[in-house]
Amino acid sequence: MTEIAIPLLFLALASGNGQYDGPYRGEDIQLICYGEAEKTTTQTHSGFEWDAQQHKYVPKSSVETGKSDFEAAINVSIHGDEGSLRLPKSLVPPINGGSDNGWWTIDDLIVGHNEIRGKFRLNALNKPNVTINRLTGVMTIDGMIKFTGRCDADDGHRRF
């Protein structure tokens, strides 16, 4: 190969086709994500029910599970290869593994060129996955809690 061809080949390999989603180092990303959240809810009902065999009203209780939808805002903070997110209290289950003043550590964090992803641990049974598309700004959380929203950079400046 000629002396000119080697640097050109290196530049072609280094620039790629824009599809490489490898890790970035040293980024400082602060986001606020607004969207729709869903969580599983349980309701206990108690009262009386007519018992035809006993010919009287007897106590009855039941537990119903369902889904609750509501609007939520989630903060995301990434410093290099460490990240955390702050959930609204309405998304945190009553039995949880604890947080650092409301902030949950993002485990297995990958900060790629086009996508940020990881997971966090709310409790032993609830370890949702987090994905943020860096091109569209869409964030999804998928687990026992669900969230879909759009993220904006949070530069710390007041809006008014």
Protein backbone atom coordinates (compact mmCIF):
# COMPACT_ATOMS: atom_id res chain seq x y z
CA MET A 1 0.00 0.00 0.00
CA THR A 2 1.09 3.52 -0.61
CA GLU A 3 1.76 6.02 2.14
CA ILE A 4 -1.42 7.96 1.23
CA ALA A 5 -3.68 4.88 1.12
CA ILE A 6 -2.91 3.81 4.70
CA PRO A 7 -4.12 7.07 6.34
CA LEU A 8 -7.19 7.11 4.07
CA LEU A 9 -8.01 3.50 5.01
CA PHE A 10 -7.60 4.38 8.71
CA LEU A 11 -9.91 7.39 8.33
CA ALA A 12 -12.54 5.26 6.57
CA LEU A 13 -12.43 2.63 9.31
CA ALA A 14 -12.48 5.21 12.12
CA SER A 15 -15.36 7.21 10.72
CA GLY A 16 -17.54 4.16 9.98
CA ASN A 17 -21.00 4.54 8.54
CA GLY A 18 -22.58 6.23 11.57
CA GLN A 19 -24.07 2.97 12.82
CA TYR A 20 -21.53 2.20 15.55
CA ASP A 21 -23.26 2.37 18.93
CA GLY A 22 -20.21 1.94 21.14
CA PRO A 23 -19.79 3.55 24.54
CA TYR A 24 -18.97 7.19 25.04
CA ARG A 25 -16.76 8.09 27.96
CA GLY A 26 -16.95 11.13 30.14
CA GLU A 27 -20.34 12.46 29.11
CA ASP A 28 -22.41 14.49 31.54
CA ILE A 29 -26.09 14.18 30.67
CA GLN A 30 -28.97 15.67 32.65
CA LEU A 31 -32.50 14.96 31.40
CA ILE A 32 -36.07 15.56 32.47
CA CYS A 33 -38.55 13.14 30.87
CA TYR A 34 -42.30 13.79 30.79
CA GLY A 35 -44.81 11.12 29.86
CA GLU A 36 -47.35 8.48 30.78
CA ALA A 37 -46.73 5.92 33.52
CA GLU A 38 -48.53 2.72 34.46
CA LYS A 39 -48.28 0.62 37.58
CA THR A 40 -50.06 -2.39 39.00
CA THR A 41 -52.49 -1.57 41.78
CA THR A 42 -54.35 -3.71 44.29
CA GLN A 43 -57.60 -2.91 46.03
CA THR A 44 -59.17 -4.74 48.93
CA HIS A 45 -62.96 -4.80 49.11
CA SER A 46 -64.89 -5.97 52.14
CA GLY A 47 -68.56 -6.18 52.95
CA PHE A 48 -71.33 -8.69 53.35
CA GLU A 49 -72.81 -11.21 50.97
CA TRP A 50 -76.00 -13.25 51.24
CA ASP A 51 -75.27 -16.92 51.93
CA ALA A 52 -78.22 -18.99 50.68
CA GLN A 53 -77.13 -22.07 52.63
CA GLN A 54 -76.90 -20.27 55.96
CA HIS A 55 -79.83 -17.93 55.21
CA LYS A 56 -77.92 -14.89 56.44
CA TYR A 57 -75.39 -12.28 55.40
CA VAL A 58 -71.77 -13.33 55.91
CA PRO A 59 -68.60 -11.22 55.77
CA LYS A 60 -66.77 -11.29 52.46
CA SER A 61 -63.53 -9.71 51.34
CA SER A 62 -61.74 -9.76 48.01
CA VAL A 63 -58.59 -8.39 46.46
CA GLU A 64 -58.62 -6.97 42.95
CA THR A 65 -55.60 -6.08 40.86
CA GLY A 66 -55.57 -3.60 38.05
CA LYS A 67 -53.53 -0.95 36.28
CA SER A 68 -53.31 2.71 37.12
CA ASP A 69 -52.30 5.24 34.44
CA PHE A 70 -51.05 8.73 35.24
CA GLU A 71 -48.69 11.44 34.04
CA ALA A 72 -45.19 11.50 35.50
CA ALA A 73 -41.82 13.22 35.24
CA ILE A 74 -38.53 11.35 35.66
CA ASN A 75 -35.08 12.89 36.07
CA VAL A 76 -32.03 11.16 34.59
CA SER A 77 -28.45 11.97 35.56
CA ILE A 78 -25.44 10.39 33.81
CA HIS A 79 -21.81 11.13 34.64
CA GLY A 80 -19.45 9.10 32.47
CA ASP A 81 -20.29 5.43 32.97
CA GLU A 82 -22.49 5.94 36.07
CA GLY A 83 -26.13 6.91 35.99
CA SER A 84 -29.19 7.28 38.18
CA LEU A 85 -32.80 8.27 37.83
CA ARG A 86 -35.33 9.88 40.12
CA LEU A 87 -38.82 8.43 40.08
CA PRO A 88 -41.95 10.14 41.36
CA LYS A 89 -43.19 8.59 44.61
CA SER A 90 -46.29 7.32 42.81
CA LEU A 91 -44.09 4.88 40.82
CA VAL A 92 -42.14 3.53 43.80
CA PRO A 93 -43.68 0.35 45.25
CA PRO A 94 -44.34 0.24 49.01
CA ILE A 95 -41.83 -2.59 49.40
CA ASN A 96 -38.63 -1.42 47.73
CA GLY A 97 -34.89 -1.89 48.00
CA GLY A 98 -34.30 1.73 48.95
CA SER A 99 -32.87 4.60 47.04
CA ASP A 100 -30.29 7.31 47.59
CA ASN A 101 -32.53 10.24 48.54
CA GLY A 102 -35.00 9.31 45.79
CA TRP A 103 -32.34 8.45 43.17
CA TRP A 104 -32.08 4.87 41.83
CA THR A 105 -28.77 3.62 40.40
CA ILE A 106 -28.88 2.49 36.76
CA ASP A 107 -27.10 -0.87 36.52
CA ASP A 108 -25.47 -2.25 33.36
CA LEU A 109 -25.49 1.28 31.93
CA ILE A 110 -24.55 1.62 28.26
CA VAL A 111 -24.26 5.15 26.89
CA GLY A 112 -24.12 4.68 23.15
CA HIS A 113 -24.12 7.09 20.26
CA ASN A 114 -27.82 6.58 19.48
CA GLU A 115 -29.15 4.96 22.65
CA ILE A 116 -28.76 4.90 26.42
CA ARG A 117 -29.89 1.76 28.20
CA GLY A 118 -29.66 -0.04 31.51
CA LYS A 119 -31.83 -1.34 34.33
CA PHE A 120 -32.51 -0.46 37.94
CA ARG A 121 -33.65 -2.43 40.96
CA LEU A 122 -36.78 -1.33 42.80
CA ASN A 123 -37.01 -4.61 44.73
CA ALA A 124 -36.22 -8.31 44.29
CA LEU A 125 -39.10 -8.83 41.84
CA ASN A 126 -39.07 -5.51 40.04
CA LYS A 127 -36.00 -4.70 37.91
CA PRO A 128 -37.25 -2.53 35.04
CA ASN A 129 -35.25 -1.90 31.86
CA VAL A 130 -34.60 1.70 30.79
CA THR A 131 -34.05 2.79 27.20
CA ILE A 132 -33.55 6.35 25.94
CA ASN A 133 -33.34 6.93 22.20
CA ARG A 134 -30.87 9.78 21.74
CA LEU A 135 -32.21 10.63 18.27
CA THR A 136 -35.91 10.96 19.15
CA GLY A 137 -35.63 11.69 22.88
CA VAL A 138 -38.11 8.92 23.72
CA MET A 139 -37.61 7.14 27.05
CA THR A 140 -39.21 3.82 27.94
CA ILE A 141 -39.19 1.94 31.23
CA ASP A 142 -40.42 -1.62 30.98
CA GLY A 143 -41.03 -3.79 34.04
CA MET A 144 -43.76 -4.05 36.64
CA ILE A 145 -43.91 -0.30 36.23
CA LYS A 146 -44.08 1.15 32.72
CA PHE A 147 -43.26 4.61 31.44
CA THR A 148 -43.11 6.19 28.01
CA GLY A 149 -42.15 9.80 27.60
CA ARG A 150 -40.06 12.41 25.87
CA CYS A 151 -36.84 13.74 27.37
CA ASP A 152 -35.43 17.24 27.26
CA ALA A 153 -32.02 18.39 28.38
CA ASP A 154 -32.15 19.73 31.93
CA ASP A 155 -29.49 22.42 32.02
CA GLY A 156 -30.40 23.52 35.54
CA HIS A 157 -31.57 26.94 34.49
CA ARG A 158 -34.90 28.21 35.69
CA ARG A 159 -37.63 28.50 33.08
CA PHE A 160 -39.09 31.64 34.65
